[in-house]
Amino acid sequence: MAYTVLVHIANEEAVLGEMDELPNPDDSIITVNNPRRRDDKDLPYLHETVTTVIWPMHRINFVEILPTREDEDLIGFVRE
């Protein structure tokens, strides 16, 4: 199962992409597939044909795991 994530890199714009597995606490690198900006445009510092990027964990501030379509369908608006 691929996870859609938003990776916040130190002193950089956040990167949207997919990960096959979530990082473990003892990992030293993070691998992101299909890296792009939040608006789905290419990252200016990557070659246009790049599909996978590996960043060292010391550059990562935090990783947001975005909900999938199935998760959004399960949680609906609740009115009290």
N, C-alpha and C. Protein backbone atom coordinates (compact mmCIF):
# COMPACT_ATOMS: atom_id res chain seq x y z
N MET A 1 0.84 -1.18 0.00
CA MET A 1 0.00 0.00 0.00
C MET A 1 0.89 1.24 0.00
N ALA A 2 0.66 2.13 -0.92
CA ALA A 2 1.42 3.37 -1.00
C ALA A 2 0.74 4.44 -0.15
N TYR A 3 1.55 5.22 0.53
CA TYR A 3 1.06 6.31 1.36
C TYR A 3 1.35 7.63 0.65
N THR A 4 0.38 8.52 0.60
CA THR A 4 0.61 9.86 0.09
C THR A 4 1.07 10.71 1.27
N VAL A 5 2.23 11.36 1.10
CA VAL A 5 2.84 12.10 2.20
C VAL A 5 3.22 13.50 1.77
N LEU A 6 3.32 14.37 2.75
CA LEU A 6 3.82 15.71 2.57
C LEU A 6 5.07 15.81 3.44
N VAL A 7 6.23 15.89 2.80
CA VAL A 7 7.51 15.88 3.51
C VAL A 7 8.00 17.31 3.68
N HIS A 8 8.23 17.71 4.91
CA HIS A 8 8.72 19.05 5.22
C HIS A 8 10.23 18.98 5.41
N ILE A 9 10.95 19.55 4.45
CA ILE A 9 12.41 19.53 4.43
C ILE A 9 12.92 20.84 5.00
N ALA A 10 13.99 20.77 5.77
CA ALA A 10 14.57 21.97 6.39
C ALA A 10 14.95 23.00 5.33
N ASN A 11 14.49 24.23 5.51
CA ASN A 11 14.78 25.36 4.64
C ASN A 11 14.35 25.16 3.18
N GLU A 12 13.36 24.33 2.95
CA GLU A 12 12.84 24.08 1.61
C GLU A 12 11.32 24.10 1.65
N GLU A 13 10.73 24.14 0.48
CA GLU A 13 9.29 24.02 0.33
C GLU A 13 8.89 22.56 0.58
N ALA A 14 7.72 22.34 1.13
CA ALA A 14 7.25 20.97 1.39
C ALA A 14 7.08 20.23 0.07
N VAL A 15 7.33 18.91 0.12
CA VAL A 15 7.28 18.07 -1.07
C VAL A 15 6.17 17.05 -0.91
N LEU A 16 5.31 16.95 -1.91
CA LEU A 16 4.23 15.97 -1.94
C LEU A 16 4.73 14.75 -2.71
N GLY A 17 4.39 13.56 -2.26
CA GLY A 17 4.82 12.35 -2.95
C GLY A 17 4.21 11.12 -2.33
N GLU A 18 4.67 9.97 -2.78
CA GLU A 18 4.19 8.70 -2.27
C GLU A 18 5.36 7.92 -1.67
N MET A 19 5.03 7.13 -0.66
CA MET A 19 6.02 6.26 -0.03
C MET A 19 5.43 4.86 0.04
N ASP A 20 6.25 3.84 -0.23
CA ASP A 20 5.78 2.46 -0.13
C ASP A 20 5.64 2.04 1.32
N GLU A 21 6.58 2.48 2.16
CA GLU A 21 6.54 2.18 3.59
C GLU A 21 6.83 3.45 4.36
N LEU A 22 6.25 3.57 5.53
CA LEU A 22 6.53 4.71 6.39
C LEU A 22 7.90 4.53 7.04
N PRO A 23 8.62 5.62 7.29
CA PRO A 23 9.96 5.49 7.88
C PRO A 23 9.90 5.00 9.33
N ASN A 24 10.89 4.22 9.69
CA ASN A 24 11.04 3.74 11.06
C ASN A 24 11.92 4.73 11.83
N PRO A 25 11.84 4.72 13.15
CA PRO A 25 12.66 5.65 13.94
C PRO A 25 14.16 5.50 13.74
N ASP A 26 14.61 4.32 13.36
CA ASP A 26 16.05 4.11 13.19
C ASP A 26 16.53 4.28 11.74
N ASP A 27 15.66 4.70 10.82
CA ASP A 27 16.06 4.94 9.43
C ASP A 27 16.95 6.17 9.31
N SER A 28 17.89 6.12 8.38
CA SER A 28 18.76 7.27 8.15
C SER A 28 18.44 7.99 6.84
N ILE A 29 17.56 7.39 6.03
CA ILE A 29 17.14 8.02 4.77
C ILE A 29 15.63 7.88 4.62
N ILE A 30 15.07 8.69 3.73
CA ILE A 30 13.65 8.62 3.41
C ILE A 30 13.54 8.60 1.88
N THR A 31 12.73 7.69 1.34
CA THR A 31 12.56 7.55 -0.10
C THR A 31 11.16 8.00 -0.49
N VAL A 32 11.09 8.94 -1.43
CA VAL A 32 9.81 9.49 -1.89
C VAL A 32 9.68 9.27 -3.39
N ASN A 33 8.57 8.67 -3.79
CA ASN A 33 8.27 8.46 -5.20
C ASN A 33 7.41 9.59 -5.74
N ASN A 34 7.59 9.93 -7.00
CA ASN A 34 6.83 10.99 -7.67
C ASN A 34 6.85 12.31 -6.89
N PRO A 35 8.03 12.83 -6.55
CA PRO A 35 8.09 14.08 -5.78
C PRO A 35 7.61 15.25 -6.62
N ARG A 36 6.83 16.13 -5.98
CA ARG A 36 6.28 17.30 -6.66
C ARG A 36 5.90 18.34 -5.62
N ARG A 37 5.58 19.55 -6.10
CA ARG A 37 5.12 20.59 -5.19
C ARG A 37 3.67 20.31 -4.81
N ARG A 38 3.16 21.04 -3.85
CA ARG A 38 1.79 20.85 -3.39
C ARG A 38 0.76 21.06 -4.50
N ASP A 39 1.09 21.92 -5.46
CA ASP A 39 0.17 22.19 -6.57
C ASP A 39 0.42 21.26 -7.77
N ASP A 40 1.10 20.14 -7.53
CA ASP A 40 1.40 19.11 -8.52
C ASP A 40 2.34 19.56 -9.64
N LYS A 41 3.05 20.65 -9.45
CA LYS A 41 4.05 21.08 -10.43
C LYS A 41 5.39 20.44 -10.09
N ASP A 42 6.29 20.39 -11.08
CA ASP A 42 7.62 19.81 -10.87
C ASP A 42 8.43 20.65 -9.90
N LEU A 43 9.31 19.98 -9.17
CA LEU A 43 10.23 20.69 -8.29
C LEU A 43 11.33 21.30 -9.14
N PRO A 44 11.63 22.59 -8.95
CA PRO A 44 12.60 23.25 -9.83
C PRO A 44 14.02 22.73 -9.70
N TYR A 45 14.38 22.13 -8.58
CA TYR A 45 15.75 21.67 -8.37
C TYR A 45 15.95 20.20 -8.76
N LEU A 46 14.91 19.54 -9.29
CA LEU A 46 15.05 18.16 -9.76
C LEU A 46 14.91 18.10 -11.27
N HIS A 47 15.60 17.15 -11.87
CA HIS A 47 15.46 16.93 -13.31
C HIS A 47 14.04 16.47 -13.60
N GLU A 48 13.51 16.82 -14.74
CA GLU A 48 12.10 16.56 -15.05
C GLU A 48 11.76 15.07 -15.17
N THR A 49 12.75 14.19 -15.35
CA THR A 49 12.47 12.76 -15.49
C THR A 49 12.65 11.98 -14.19
N VAL A 50 12.96 12.65 -13.09
CA VAL A 50 13.18 11.98 -11.80
C VAL A 50 11.85 11.45 -11.27
N THR A 51 11.85 10.17 -10.85
CA THR A 51 10.64 9.58 -10.28
C THR A 51 10.79 9.21 -8.81
N THR A 52 12.02 9.08 -8.33
CA THR A 52 12.26 8.71 -6.94
C THR A 52 13.43 9.53 -6.39
N VAL A 53 13.25 10.03 -5.15
CA VAL A 53 14.29 10.83 -4.50
C VAL A 53 14.55 10.23 -3.12
N ILE A 54 15.82 10.23 -2.71
CA ILE A 54 16.22 9.77 -1.38
C ILE A 54 16.83 10.96 -0.64
N TRP A 55 16.24 11.30 0.50
CA TRP A 55 16.76 12.39 1.33
C TRP A 55 17.27 11.81 2.64
N PRO A 56 18.34 12.41 3.21
CA PRO A 56 18.78 11.98 4.54
C PRO A 56 17.80 12.48 5.60
N MET A 57 17.58 11.68 6.62
CA MET A 57 16.60 12.03 7.65
C MET A 57 16.98 13.29 8.42
N HIS A 58 18.26 13.62 8.49
CA HIS A 58 18.63 14.82 9.25
C HIS A 58 18.14 16.10 8.56
N ARG A 59 17.72 16.02 7.29
CA ARG A 59 17.17 17.17 6.58
C ARG A 59 15.65 17.29 6.74
N ILE A 60 15.01 16.25 7.27
CA ILE A 60 13.55 16.19 7.37
C ILE A 60 13.09 16.74 8.71
N ASN A 61 12.18 17.74 8.66
CA ASN A 61 11.58 18.24 9.91
C ASN A 61 10.48 17.31 10.38
N PHE A 62 9.53 17.01 9.50
CA PHE A 62 8.47 16.05 9.82
C PHE A 62 7.78 15.61 8.54
N VAL A 63 6.99 14.54 8.65
CA VAL A 63 6.27 13.96 7.51
C VAL A 63 4.80 13.90 7.86
N GLU A 64 3.95 14.47 6.99
CA GLU A 64 2.51 14.38 7.16
C GLU A 64 1.99 13.24 6.29
N ILE A 65 1.15 12.39 6.85
CA ILE A 65 0.54 11.30 6.10
C ILE A 65 -0.87 11.74 5.74
N LEU A 66 -1.12 11.89 4.45
CA LEU A 66 -2.41 12.38 3.99
C LEU A 66 -3.42 11.25 3.88
N PRO A 67 -4.69 11.53 4.15
CA PRO A 67 -5.71 10.47 4.07
C PRO A 67 -5.95 10.03 2.63
N THR A 68 -6.33 8.77 2.48
CA THR A 68 -6.68 8.24 1.17
C THR A 68 -8.16 8.53 0.90
N ARG A 69 -8.60 8.26 -0.30
CA ARG A 69 -10.02 8.46 -0.65
C ARG A 69 -10.92 7.60 0.23
N GLU A 70 -10.50 6.37 0.52
CA GLU A 70 -11.30 5.47 1.35
C GLU A 70 -11.44 6.02 2.77
N ASP A 71 -10.36 6.59 3.30
CA ASP A 71 -10.40 7.18 4.64
C ASP A 71 -11.34 8.37 4.68
N GLU A 72 -11.33 9.19 3.64
CA GLU A 72 -12.20 10.36 3.61
C GLU A 72 -13.66 9.96 3.54
N ASP A 73 -13.97 8.85 2.87
CA ASP A 73 -15.35 8.37 2.78
C ASP A 73 -15.84 7.82 4.12
N LEU A 74 -14.94 7.25 4.92
CA LEU A 74 -15.33 6.69 6.21
C LEU A 74 -15.68 7.77 7.22
N ILE A 75 -14.98 8.88 7.18
CA ILE A 75 -15.20 9.95 8.14
C ILE A 75 -16.03 11.04 7.46
N GLY A 76 -17.22 11.23 7.96
CA GLY A 76 -18.09 12.24 7.38
C GLY A 76 -18.30 13.39 8.33
N PHE A 77 -19.06 14.36 7.87
CA PHE A 77 -19.37 15.51 8.68
C PHE A 77 -20.36 15.10 9.77
N VAL A 78 -20.05 15.46 11.02
CA VAL A 78 -20.92 15.13 12.15
C VAL A 78 -21.44 16.42 12.73
N ARG A 79 -22.75 16.49 12.85
CA ARG A 79 -23.37 17.69 13.41
C ARG A 79 -23.92 17.36 14.79
N GLU A 80 -23.55 18.17 15.73
CA GLU A 80 -24.01 17.91 17.11
C GLU A 80 -25.17 18.79 17.45
